[in-house]
Amino acid sequence: MIEVRFKIQDSRFKMFFSYFLLLASYFLLLVSVSYAKQGDKVAGKEVFEKRCKQCHGEKGEGNGIIAEKVYPPPRNFTSGIFKYKTSPGDQVPRDEDLLRTINEGFGEASMPAWKDIMTEKEKRDVIAYEKTFSDVFEIDDPPEEINYGKEVPFSEQSVLKGKELFKKAECPMCHGENG
């Protein structure tokens, strides 16, 4: 009878301990995922100095030692203006936008794709550091994402509307009349 009691108590303890370990592991996972998404700006500075400073400059002003040799010029992070983003025009880019730029680069510009070169942590860290160059990132709420809806099917009307929007957004100033 005593053995049965110990087995019951032992199995309850094992079950409690298992649940405790499961909850603790889940909590640690949440904390580590949150940390990975946030990035570490101190570690990001090291990554920036190794990978980005040559083009974007020591203070993120787009004036690195290679900047004069490339067109279009590297992004000036201190202005807080970013072209390629999925947040509304008056909001800062989302971290996912900055991550996409780092991963894919710009084929038509000098920005290389870092997808296979930098680790996920290095990318998140450098994003955290890049945000220190401008006070526009000192916000309480993360920027919202624009819902672009479905892809517009090709038609003469959609091409005309696209041309109209292209001119209205002053795209020809950088891209020329024919894009």
Foldseek 3Di string as FASTA:
>chain_A
DVVVVCVVVVVVVVVVVVVVVVVVVVVVVVVVVVDLQQAAQVLLLVLCVVPPCQQLNNLRQRDHVCQVVWPPTDDRLAVQDDDFAQFDRVAGHALVRQLCCQQPPDPVTPGHHCVPPDDSNNSSHNSNNSNVSYCSPVDDDTTDGHDPDDDDDDDPVVVVVVLVVCVVVVVCVRVNSVD
